[in-house]
Amino acid sequence: MRSSIPTPCTASSRRWFPLSSENDVVRIEIGLDGGQILSTLVTPKSADALEQSLNAGAAGALTLEAQEGTIILVLPRVLYAKRFARESRVGFGG
């Protein structure tokens, strides 16, 4: 008997992300206890909330609105977080 392959949910598709442009997202990288690294695009509000929570030494969990969907992050498991600056494009003029 053949098993069916589940179809991906369109909610995680880039075109369904509720933000209008790439300027409305921030790339973050989160290092977790155990060696896992999470790299994702989140709303600027979520990136700010993560930074504030970690700076305050908050315990518990934090909900991030990411391109892939909602991420619930257990703050005591976070070893580091990196917030990337916007990418700048370098061109060659002539």
Protein backbone atom coordinates (compact mmCIF):
# COMPACT_ATOMS: atom_id res chain seq x y z
CA MET A 1 0.00 0.00 0.00
CA ARG A 2 1.37 3.41 -0.98
CA SER A 3 1.55 6.12 1.62
CA SER A 4 0.34 9.53 0.64
CA ILE A 5 2.70 12.47 0.75
CA PRO A 6 1.20 15.41 2.61
CA THR A 7 0.98 18.60 0.61
CA PRO A 8 2.65 21.64 2.11
CA CYS A 9 0.47 24.25 3.73
CA THR A 10 0.24 27.47 1.74
CA ALA A 11 0.38 29.46 4.98
CA SER A 12 4.14 28.92 5.06
CA SER A 13 4.59 29.94 1.45
CA ARG A 14 6.57 33.13 0.93
CA ARG A 15 3.74 34.67 -1.08
CA TRP A 16 1.34 34.21 1.85
CA PHE A 17 3.58 35.92 4.41
CA PRO A 18 1.51 38.80 5.78
CA LEU A 19 4.19 41.40 5.14
CA SER A 20 4.32 43.48 1.99
CA SER A 21 8.04 43.54 1.20
CA GLU A 22 11.45 42.27 2.21
CA ASN A 23 11.96 45.58 4.08
CA ASP A 24 9.27 44.46 6.54
CA VAL A 25 11.29 41.48 7.77
CA VAL A 26 14.45 40.99 9.81
CA ARG A 27 16.71 37.95 9.54
CA ILE A 28 17.66 36.53 12.92
CA GLU A 29 19.79 33.59 13.95
CA ILE A 30 19.24 31.96 17.34
CA GLY A 31 21.68 29.49 18.88
CA LEU A 32 20.00 27.02 21.21
CA ASP A 33 21.26 24.85 24.03
CA GLY A 34 22.10 21.50 22.44
CA GLY A 35 23.69 22.93 19.30
CA GLN A 36 20.66 23.71 17.16
CA ILE A 37 20.63 26.98 15.23
CA LEU A 38 17.43 28.61 14.07
CA SER A 39 17.71 31.09 11.19
CA THR A 40 14.50 32.76 10.06
CA LEU A 41 12.83 35.94 8.87
CA VAL A 42 10.68 37.63 11.52
CA THR A 43 8.77 40.87 11.86
CA PRO A 44 10.76 43.79 13.26
CA LYS A 45 8.38 43.76 16.26
CA SER A 46 9.30 40.11 16.98
CA ALA A 47 13.03 40.84 16.61
CA ASP A 48 12.70 43.75 19.06
CA ALA A 49 10.74 41.62 21.53
CA LEU A 50 13.41 38.90 21.39
CA GLU A 51 16.19 41.40 22.03
CA GLN A 52 14.33 43.02 24.93
CA SER A 53 13.46 39.66 26.52
CA LEU A 54 17.03 38.39 26.33
CA ASN A 55 18.47 41.67 27.65
CA ALA A 56 16.07 41.53 30.59
CA GLY A 57 17.00 37.91 31.37
CA ALA A 58 13.36 36.91 30.99
CA ALA A 59 12.31 33.33 31.70
CA GLY A 60 9.45 31.50 30.06
CA ALA A 61 8.61 31.56 26.38
CA LEU A 62 8.37 34.19 23.65
CA THR A 63 6.19 34.01 20.55
CA LEU A 64 7.83 35.15 17.32
CA GLU A 65 5.93 35.91 14.11
CA ALA A 66 8.13 34.38 11.42
CA GLN A 67 7.85 33.78 7.71
CA GLU A 68 7.34 30.06 8.36
CA GLY A 69 4.60 30.73 10.92
CA THR A 70 4.49 31.27 14.64
CA ILE A 71 7.55 30.17 16.62
CA ILE A 72 7.37 29.69 20.37
CA LEU A 73 10.87 30.08 21.76
CA VAL A 74 11.84 28.87 25.24
CA LEU A 75 14.04 31.74 26.40
CA PRO A 76 16.24 29.87 28.93
CA ARG A 77 17.38 27.58 26.06
CA VAL A 78 18.75 30.50 23.99
CA LEU A 79 22.55 30.77 24.02
CA TYR A 80 22.84 33.63 21.55
CA ALA A 81 20.80 35.66 19.10
CA LYS A 82 22.06 37.53 16.08
CA ARG A 83 20.07 40.20 14.29
CA PHE A 84 21.30 40.79 10.77
CA ALA A 85 21.53 44.27 9.31
CA ARG A 86 19.67 44.90 6.08
CA GLU A 87 21.55 43.62 3.07
CA SER A 88 23.11 46.34 1.00
CA ARG A 89 23.78 45.77 -2.64
CA VAL A 90 27.08 46.82 -4.07
CA GLY A 91 27.02 47.79 -7.71
CA PHE A 92 29.65 48.70 -10.21
CA GLY A 93 29.05 52.02 -11.96
CA GLY A 94 30.65 52.99 -15.17
